Amino acid sequence: MARTAFPPAPVGAGRVVVRVLAIVFLAYAAASAIVAAGVATLILGGLDRSDAFTACSILGFLVYVVLALWAAAAPRLVPLVLALLAITAGGTAIGFLPSLMGGA
């Protein structure tokens, strides 16, 4: 009997791939949306645009690390993906507020 060069993938390999993709892409998108929401909130609060962007961008690195660690440690995959998508959608919606209100 001929042996295959690669053993079959374990049953949970698809879940691992989805979790890694969630950590890399969805956590980054959620962190970016949170940064956009923070910038929009600070702009609407009267802070200068460049100062708001600098402050939120610096905090964005910490936000991404926290979201990535949470995504790696979350026990269930589907609620994790849904939560990251909801955070991304909410942050993006808040990020558009200054342009909708004429502040951009």
Foldseek 3Di string as FASTA:
>chain_A
DDDDPDDDDDPCPVVVVLLVCCLPPLLLLLLVLQLLLQLLVVLVVPDDNVVSNVVSVVCSVVSSVVLSVCSVPPPDNVVNSVVSVVSNVVSNVSSCVCVVVVND
